Amino acid sequence: MHKVNHKESGFTLLELLVVLGIIAMLAGIVGPQVMKHMGESKVKAAKVQIEELIAALDMYKLDLGGYPTGEQGLKALIEAPTNAKYWNGPYLRKAKIPVDPWQHDYFYVIPGKHGKFDLYSLGADSVEGGEGEDKDVLSWE
């Protein structure tokens, strides 16, 4: 009778630790690059939202002869202000004012220091100034 030797195959603990080490090194190299691009994407998304809000504000102005007051704010784009006889909104696709990609409200100031109005986001840190993802996203730049 011939005896067959079946050797169990599998990974040793050392092999698994080596593979986990390689994965951790790759994550350490690739992770920061992915996060950098994610931050850049949020800045670009904020710029696009600001442009959409500006277009909506311009349509509002065409209908009513002026931009919403500071008191009315951006809310006037989705709800008719009192005594707004020629309001033809809502001027935005969604029924609520968008927040910036960092979940903060956009700032709308009228009259603006840089134009008829200033519309901006303070970035990820919600503080004026900053670099990278913390940099302010401004309608006048």
N, C-alpha and C. Protein backbone atom coordinates (compact mmCIF):
# COMPACT_ATOMS: atom_id res chain seq x y z
N MET A 1 0.83 -1.16 0.00
CA MET A 1 0.00 0.00 0.00
C MET A 1 0.89 1.25 0.00
N HIS A 2 0.55 2.20 -0.85
CA HIS A 2 1.33 3.43 -1.02
C HIS A 2 0.75 4.52 -0.12
N LYS A 3 1.57 5.11 0.68
CA LYS A 3 1.15 6.15 1.61
C LYS A 3 1.33 7.53 0.95
N VAL A 4 0.24 8.33 0.93
CA VAL A 4 0.30 9.67 0.34
C VAL A 4 0.49 10.67 1.47
N ASN A 5 1.46 11.54 1.30
CA ASN A 5 1.74 12.55 2.31
C ASN A 5 1.06 13.86 1.90
N HIS A 6 0.01 14.19 2.56
CA HIS A 6 -0.69 15.45 2.30
C HIS A 6 -0.14 16.50 3.25
N LYS A 7 0.55 17.45 2.70
CA LYS A 7 1.09 18.54 3.51
C LYS A 7 0.06 19.67 3.55
N GLU A 8 -0.26 20.16 4.72
CA GLU A 8 -1.23 21.26 4.82
C GLU A 8 -0.57 22.53 4.31
N SER A 9 -1.33 23.25 3.48
CA SER A 9 -0.78 24.49 2.96
C SER A 9 -1.51 25.66 3.59
N GLY A 10 -0.85 26.78 3.70
CA GLY A 10 -1.43 27.98 4.29
C GLY A 10 -0.33 29.00 4.52
N PHE A 11 -0.71 30.10 5.13
CA PHE A 11 0.26 31.15 5.39
C PHE A 11 0.73 31.07 6.83
N THR A 12 1.99 31.32 7.02
CA THR A 12 2.51 31.37 8.38
C THR A 12 2.25 32.76 8.95
N LEU A 13 2.35 32.88 10.23
CA LEU A 13 2.15 34.16 10.89
C LEU A 13 3.16 35.19 10.37
N LEU A 14 4.37 34.78 10.13
CA LEU A 14 5.39 35.69 9.62
C LEU A 14 5.02 36.21 8.24
N GLU A 15 4.52 35.35 7.36
CA GLU A 15 4.11 35.79 6.03
C GLU A 15 2.96 36.79 6.10
N LEU A 16 2.02 36.53 6.98
CA LEU A 16 0.89 37.45 7.15
C LEU A 16 1.37 38.81 7.66
N LEU A 17 2.30 38.82 8.59
CA LEU A 17 2.83 40.07 9.13
C LEU A 17 3.57 40.86 8.05
N VAL A 18 4.29 40.16 7.18
CA VAL A 18 5.01 40.83 6.09
C VAL A 18 4.01 41.49 5.15
N VAL A 19 2.95 40.76 4.78
CA VAL A 19 1.93 41.31 3.88
C VAL A 19 1.25 42.51 4.53
N LEU A 20 0.89 42.40 5.80
CA LEU A 20 0.27 43.54 6.50
C LEU A 20 1.21 44.74 6.56
N GLY A 21 2.50 44.48 6.74
CA GLY A 21 3.48 45.57 6.75
C GLY A 21 3.55 46.28 5.41
N ILE A 22 3.51 45.51 4.33
CA ILE A 22 3.54 46.10 2.98
C ILE A 22 2.29 46.93 2.74
N ILE A 23 1.13 46.41 3.14
CA ILE A 23 -0.13 47.15 2.98
C ILE A 23 -0.09 48.45 3.78
N ALA A 24 0.43 48.39 5.00
CA ALA A 24 0.53 49.60 5.83
C ALA A 24 1.45 50.63 5.19
N MET A 25 2.58 50.17 4.60
CA MET A 25 3.49 51.11 3.93
C MET A 25 2.81 51.76 2.74
N LEU A 26 2.11 50.97 1.95
CA LEU A 26 1.40 51.53 0.79
C LEU A 26 0.34 52.53 1.24
N ALA A 27 -0.41 52.22 2.28
CA ALA A 27 -1.43 53.14 2.79
C ALA A 27 -0.78 54.43 3.27
N GLY A 28 0.38 54.34 3.88
CA GLY A 28 1.09 55.53 4.35
C GLY A 28 1.57 56.41 3.23
N ILE A 29 1.87 55.81 2.09
CA ILE A 29 2.33 56.58 0.94
C ILE A 29 1.16 57.13 0.14
N VAL A 30 0.16 56.29 -0.13
CA VAL A 30 -0.96 56.66 -0.99
C VAL A 30 -1.99 57.50 -0.24
N GLY A 31 -2.23 57.21 1.02
CA GLY A 31 -3.27 57.89 1.81
C GLY A 31 -3.19 59.41 1.78
N PRO A 32 -2.04 60.00 2.10
CA PRO A 32 -1.96 61.46 2.09
C PRO A 32 -2.25 62.07 0.71
N GLN A 33 -1.84 61.37 -0.36
CA GLN A 33 -2.11 61.89 -1.70
C GLN A 33 -3.60 61.89 -2.00
N VAL A 34 -4.29 60.82 -1.57
CA VAL A 34 -5.74 60.74 -1.77
C VAL A 34 -6.43 61.85 -0.99
N MET A 35 -6.02 62.07 0.25
CA MET A 35 -6.63 63.11 1.08
C MET A 35 -6.37 64.50 0.50
N LYS A 36 -5.20 64.70 -0.09
CA LYS A 36 -4.88 65.99 -0.71
C LYS A 36 -5.85 66.26 -1.86
N HIS A 37 -6.07 65.26 -2.69
CA HIS A 37 -6.98 65.43 -3.83
C HIS A 37 -8.42 65.59 -3.37
N MET A 38 -8.78 64.95 -2.26
CA MET A 38 -10.13 65.12 -1.73
C MET A 38 -10.35 66.56 -1.28
N GLY A 39 -9.34 67.15 -0.64
CA GLY A 39 -9.43 68.54 -0.23
C GLY A 39 -9.56 69.48 -1.41
N GLU A 40 -8.80 69.22 -2.47
CA GLU A 40 -8.88 70.03 -3.69
C GLU A 40 -10.26 69.90 -4.32
N SER A 41 -10.84 68.72 -4.26
CA SER A 41 -12.18 68.50 -4.82
C SER A 41 -13.23 69.32 -4.08
N LYS A 42 -13.08 69.42 -2.77
CA LYS A 42 -14.04 70.21 -1.99
C LYS A 42 -13.94 71.69 -2.33
N VAL A 43 -12.74 72.17 -2.54
CA VAL A 43 -12.55 73.57 -2.93
C VAL A 43 -13.20 73.83 -4.28
N LYS A 44 -13.00 72.90 -5.23
CA LYS A 44 -13.60 73.05 -6.56
C LYS A 44 -15.12 72.99 -6.46
N ALA A 45 -15.65 72.11 -5.61
CA ALA A 45 -17.10 72.01 -5.43
C ALA A 45 -17.66 73.31 -4.87
N ALA A 46 -16.95 73.93 -3.93
CA ALA A 46 -17.40 75.21 -3.36
C ALA A 46 -17.42 76.29 -4.44
N LYS A 47 -16.42 76.31 -5.31
CA LYS A 47 -16.38 77.30 -6.40
C LYS A 47 -17.58 77.11 -7.34
N VAL A 48 -17.91 75.87 -7.64
CA VAL A 48 -19.05 75.59 -8.52
C VAL A 48 -20.35 76.02 -7.84
N GLN A 49 -20.50 75.72 -6.56
CA GLN A 49 -21.71 76.14 -5.84
C GLN A 49 -21.84 77.66 -5.80
N ILE A 50 -20.75 78.35 -5.59
CA ILE A 50 -20.78 79.81 -5.56
C ILE A 50 -21.21 80.35 -6.93
N GLU A 51 -20.69 79.76 -8.00
CA GLU A 51 -21.10 80.19 -9.34
C GLU A 51 -22.60 79.96 -9.57
N GLU A 52 -23.12 78.83 -9.09
CA GLU A 52 -24.56 78.55 -9.22
C GLU A 52 -25.39 79.56 -8.41
N LEU A 53 -24.91 79.89 -7.22
CA LEU A 53 -25.63 80.88 -6.40
C LEU A 53 -25.60 82.26 -7.06
N ILE A 54 -24.46 82.61 -7.67
CA ILE A 54 -24.37 83.90 -8.36
C ILE A 54 -25.36 83.94 -9.52
N ALA A 55 -25.45 82.85 -10.28
CA ALA A 55 -26.40 82.79 -11.40
C ALA A 55 -27.84 82.94 -10.89
N ALA A 56 -28.15 82.29 -9.78
CA ALA A 56 -29.49 82.40 -9.20
C ALA A 56 -29.75 83.83 -8.72
N LEU A 57 -28.75 84.46 -8.10
CA LEU A 57 -28.89 85.85 -7.66
C LEU A 57 -29.11 86.79 -8.84
N ASP A 58 -28.43 86.52 -9.95
CA ASP A 58 -28.62 87.35 -11.15
C ASP A 58 -30.03 87.19 -11.72
N MET A 59 -30.57 85.98 -11.70
CA MET A 59 -31.95 85.77 -12.17
C MET A 59 -32.94 86.49 -11.25
N TYR A 60 -32.67 86.43 -9.95
CA TYR A 60 -33.49 87.14 -8.97
C TYR A 60 -33.49 88.64 -9.29
N LYS A 61 -32.30 89.18 -9.56
CA LYS A 61 -32.17 90.60 -9.86
C LYS A 61 -32.94 90.97 -11.13
N LEU A 62 -32.90 90.12 -12.14
CA LEU A 62 -33.64 90.39 -13.38
C LEU A 62 -35.15 90.50 -13.11
N ASP A 63 -35.66 89.65 -12.22
CA ASP A 63 -37.09 89.66 -11.93
C ASP A 63 -37.50 90.80 -11.01
N LEU A 64 -36.68 91.10 -10.01
CA LEU A 64 -37.08 92.06 -8.98
C LEU A 64 -36.36 93.39 -9.04
N GLY A 65 -35.38 93.53 -9.93
CA GLY A 65 -34.70 94.81 -10.08
C GLY A 65 -33.55 95.02 -9.12
N GLY A 66 -33.24 94.08 -8.28
CA GLY A 66 -32.13 94.21 -7.34
C GLY A 66 -31.86 92.87 -6.66
N TYR A 67 -30.74 92.79 -5.99
CA TYR A 67 -30.38 91.58 -5.27
C TYR A 67 -31.11 91.54 -3.94
N PRO A 68 -31.22 90.36 -3.33
CA PRO A 68 -31.84 90.28 -2.01
C PRO A 68 -31.07 91.14 -1.00
N THR A 69 -31.77 91.68 -0.05
CA THR A 69 -31.11 92.47 1.00
C THR A 69 -30.33 91.54 1.91
N GLY A 70 -29.51 92.11 2.74
CA GLY A 70 -28.77 91.31 3.71
C GLY A 70 -29.70 90.58 4.65
N GLU A 71 -30.79 91.23 5.01
CA GLU A 71 -31.77 90.62 5.91
C GLU A 71 -32.47 89.44 5.24
N GLN A 72 -32.81 89.59 3.96
CA GLN A 72 -33.46 88.50 3.22
C GLN A 72 -32.48 87.36 2.97
N GLY A 73 -31.25 87.72 2.68
CA GLY A 73 -30.20 86.73 2.46
C GLY A 73 -30.50 85.80 1.29
N LEU A 74 -29.77 84.70 1.26
CA LEU A 74 -29.92 83.73 0.17
C LEU A 74 -31.26 83.00 0.24
N LYS A 75 -31.93 83.08 1.37
CA LYS A 75 -33.24 82.44 1.51
C LYS A 75 -34.25 82.98 0.50
N ALA A 76 -34.02 84.23 0.06
CA ALA A 76 -34.92 84.84 -0.93
C ALA A 76 -34.88 84.11 -2.27
N LEU A 77 -33.88 83.27 -2.47
CA LEU A 77 -33.79 82.50 -3.71
C LEU A 77 -34.75 81.31 -3.73
N ILE A 78 -35.23 80.90 -2.56
CA ILE A 78 -36.13 79.74 -2.51
C ILE A 78 -37.51 80.07 -1.95
N GLU A 79 -37.62 81.20 -1.24
CA GLU A 79 -38.90 81.63 -0.68
C GLU A 79 -39.11 83.10 -1.02
N ALA A 80 -40.29 83.40 -1.50
CA ALA A 80 -40.59 84.79 -1.88
C ALA A 80 -40.57 85.70 -0.66
N PRO A 81 -39.78 86.76 -0.71
CA PRO A 81 -39.81 87.73 0.39
C PRO A 81 -41.17 88.45 0.40
N THR A 82 -41.55 88.99 1.54
CA THR A 82 -42.81 89.74 1.60
C THR A 82 -42.72 90.93 0.66
N ASN A 83 -43.82 91.23 0.01
CA ASN A 83 -43.93 92.34 -0.94
C ASN A 83 -43.04 92.19 -2.17
N ALA A 84 -42.65 90.96 -2.51
CA ALA A 84 -41.85 90.73 -3.72
C ALA A 84 -42.82 90.40 -4.85
N LYS A 85 -43.35 91.44 -5.47
CA LYS A 85 -44.42 91.31 -6.46
C LYS A 85 -44.02 90.49 -7.68
N TYR A 86 -42.80 90.64 -8.15
CA TYR A 86 -42.38 89.98 -9.39
C TYR A 86 -41.48 88.77 -9.15
N TRP A 87 -41.48 88.26 -7.93
CA TRP A 87 -40.66 87.08 -7.61
C TRP A 87 -41.14 85.92 -8.47
N ASN A 88 -40.22 85.28 -9.17
CA ASN A 88 -40.58 84.20 -10.09
C ASN A 88 -39.77 82.94 -9.77
N GLY A 89 -39.55 82.70 -8.48
CA GLY A 89 -38.71 81.58 -8.06
C GLY A 89 -39.49 80.32 -7.81
N PRO A 90 -38.89 79.37 -7.23
CA PRO A 90 -37.54 79.40 -6.65
C PRO A 90 -36.46 79.44 -7.72
N TYR A 91 -35.37 80.04 -7.37
CA TYR A 91 -34.27 80.24 -8.31
C TYR A 91 -33.19 79.16 -8.21
N LEU A 92 -33.36 78.26 -7.26
CA LEU A 92 -32.45 77.13 -7.11
C LEU A 92 -33.20 75.84 -7.39
N ARG A 93 -32.49 74.82 -7.84
CA ARG A 93 -33.12 73.54 -8.15
C ARG A 93 -33.67 72.85 -6.91
N LYS A 94 -32.93 72.94 -5.82
CA LYS A 94 -33.35 72.28 -4.58
C LYS A 94 -34.12 73.26 -3.71
N ALA A 95 -34.89 72.72 -2.80
CA ALA A 95 -35.75 73.55 -1.95
C ALA A 95 -35.03 74.09 -0.72
N LYS A 96 -33.71 73.97 -0.69
CA LYS A 96 -32.96 74.56 0.43
C LYS A 96 -31.66 75.17 -0.07
N ILE A 97 -31.18 76.12 0.69
CA ILE A 97 -29.92 76.79 0.34
C ILE A 97 -28.78 75.79 0.57
N PRO A 98 -27.91 75.62 -0.42
CA PRO A 98 -26.80 74.67 -0.20
C PRO A 98 -25.82 75.19 0.84
N VAL A 99 -25.20 74.26 1.54
CA VAL A 99 -24.10 74.59 2.44
C VAL A 99 -22.81 74.25 1.71
N ASP A 100 -21.70 74.80 2.16
CA ASP A 100 -20.44 74.52 1.49
C ASP A 100 -20.03 73.05 1.74
N PRO A 101 -19.02 72.56 1.05
CA PRO A 101 -18.63 71.15 1.21
C PRO A 101 -18.19 70.76 2.62
N TRP A 102 -17.95 71.74 3.48
CA TRP A 102 -17.56 71.46 4.86
C TRP A 102 -18.74 71.63 5.80
N GLN A 103 -19.94 71.71 5.24
CA GLN A 103 -21.20 71.79 5.97
C GLN A 103 -21.39 73.10 6.74
N HIS A 104 -20.84 74.19 6.21
CA HIS A 104 -21.03 75.53 6.78
C HIS A 104 -21.87 76.35 5.81
N ASP A 105 -22.58 77.34 6.33
CA ASP A 105 -23.36 78.24 5.47
C ASP A 105 -22.42 79.15 4.68
N TYR A 106 -22.86 79.51 3.48
CA TYR A 106 -22.14 80.52 2.70
C TYR A 106 -22.44 81.89 3.28
N PHE A 107 -21.49 82.79 3.16
CA PHE A 107 -21.68 84.16 3.62
C PHE A 107 -22.12 85.02 2.44
N TYR A 108 -23.19 85.79 2.64
CA TYR A 108 -23.72 86.69 1.62
C TYR A 108 -23.76 88.08 2.25
N VAL A 109 -22.98 89.00 1.67
CA VAL A 109 -22.89 90.36 2.21
C VAL A 109 -23.25 91.33 1.10
N ILE A 110 -24.24 92.20 1.38
CA ILE A 110 -24.64 93.22 0.42
C ILE A 110 -24.82 94.54 1.16
N PRO A 111 -24.28 95.63 0.73
CA PRO A 111 -23.39 95.77 -0.41
C PRO A 111 -22.04 95.11 -0.10
N GLY A 112 -21.41 94.62 -1.14
CA GLY A 112 -20.12 93.95 -0.96
C GLY A 112 -18.95 94.91 -1.03
N LYS A 113 -17.84 94.50 -0.52
CA LYS A 113 -16.61 95.29 -0.62
C LYS A 113 -15.93 95.08 -1.97
N HIS A 114 -16.29 93.99 -2.66
CA HIS A 114 -15.60 93.62 -3.90
C HIS A 114 -16.53 93.65 -5.11
N GLY A 115 -17.75 94.04 -4.93
CA GLY A 115 -18.73 94.09 -6.02
C GLY A 115 -20.09 94.44 -5.43
N LYS A 116 -21.15 94.20 -6.21
CA LYS A 116 -22.52 94.49 -5.71
C LYS A 116 -22.81 93.69 -4.45
N PHE A 117 -22.28 92.47 -4.39
CA PHE A 117 -22.41 91.63 -3.20
C PHE A 117 -21.16 90.76 -3.10
N ASP A 118 -20.89 90.26 -1.91
CA ASP A 118 -19.80 89.31 -1.68
C ASP A 118 -20.42 87.99 -1.25
N LEU A 119 -19.98 86.92 -1.85
CA LEU A 119 -20.46 85.59 -1.53
C LEU A 119 -19.22 84.73 -1.33
N TYR A 120 -19.12 84.05 -0.17
CA TYR A 120 -17.90 83.30 0.09
C TYR A 120 -18.09 82.22 1.14
N SER A 121 -17.11 81.33 1.18
CA SER A 121 -17.00 80.28 2.19
C SER A 121 -15.65 80.47 2.87
N LEU A 122 -15.58 80.16 4.15
CA LEU A 122 -14.32 80.30 4.88
C LEU A 122 -13.47 79.03 4.84
N GLY A 123 -13.86 78.06 4.02
CA GLY A 123 -13.06 76.84 3.87
C GLY A 123 -13.26 75.87 5.02
N ALA A 124 -12.38 74.88 5.09
CA ALA A 124 -12.53 73.78 6.05
C ALA A 124 -12.43 74.25 7.50
N ASP A 125 -11.58 75.24 7.78
CA ASP A 125 -11.38 75.66 9.16
C ASP A 125 -12.39 76.69 9.64
N SER A 126 -13.20 77.22 8.73
CA SER A 126 -14.23 78.21 9.05
C SER A 126 -13.65 79.47 9.71
N VAL A 127 -12.41 79.79 9.32
CA VAL A 127 -11.71 80.98 9.82
C VAL A 127 -11.15 81.71 8.61
N GLU A 128 -11.16 83.05 8.64
CA GLU A 128 -10.65 83.82 7.51
C GLU A 128 -9.20 83.47 7.22
N GLY A 129 -8.87 83.46 5.92
CA GLY A 129 -7.51 83.15 5.48
C GLY A 129 -7.29 81.66 5.40
N GLY A 130 -6.05 81.26 5.39
CA GLY A 130 -5.72 79.85 5.38
C GLY A 130 -5.09 79.41 4.07
N GLU A 131 -4.61 78.19 4.06
CA GLU A 131 -3.96 77.60 2.89
C GLU A 131 -4.61 76.27 2.59
N GLY A 132 -4.48 75.83 1.36
CA GLY A 132 -5.02 74.53 0.96
C GLY A 132 -6.52 74.46 1.17
N GLU A 133 -6.97 73.42 1.87
CA GLU A 133 -8.40 73.22 2.10
C GLU A 133 -8.97 74.28 3.06
N ASP A 134 -8.12 74.91 3.85
CA ASP A 134 -8.57 75.94 4.79
C ASP A 134 -8.72 77.31 4.13
N LYS A 135 -8.24 77.45 2.90
CA LYS A 135 -8.29 78.73 2.20
C LYS A 135 -9.75 79.13 1.91
N ASP A 136 -10.03 80.41 2.03
CA ASP A 136 -11.38 80.92 1.73
C ASP A 136 -11.68 80.78 0.24
N VAL A 137 -12.94 80.47 -0.07
CA VAL A 137 -13.39 80.38 -1.45
C VAL A 137 -14.27 81.61 -1.68
N LEU A 138 -13.83 82.51 -2.57
CA LEU A 138 -14.42 83.84 -2.71
C LEU A 138 -15.04 84.03 -4.08
N SER A 139 -16.16 84.73 -4.13
CA SER A 139 -16.84 84.97 -5.40
C SER A 139 -16.10 85.98 -6.27
N TRP A 140 -15.24 86.77 -5.72
CA TRP A 140 -14.58 87.84 -6.48
C TRP A 140 -13.18 87.43 -6.97
N GLU A 141 -12.80 86.19 -6.78
CA GLU A 141 -11.48 85.75 -7.28
C GLU A 141 -11.64 84.78 -8.41
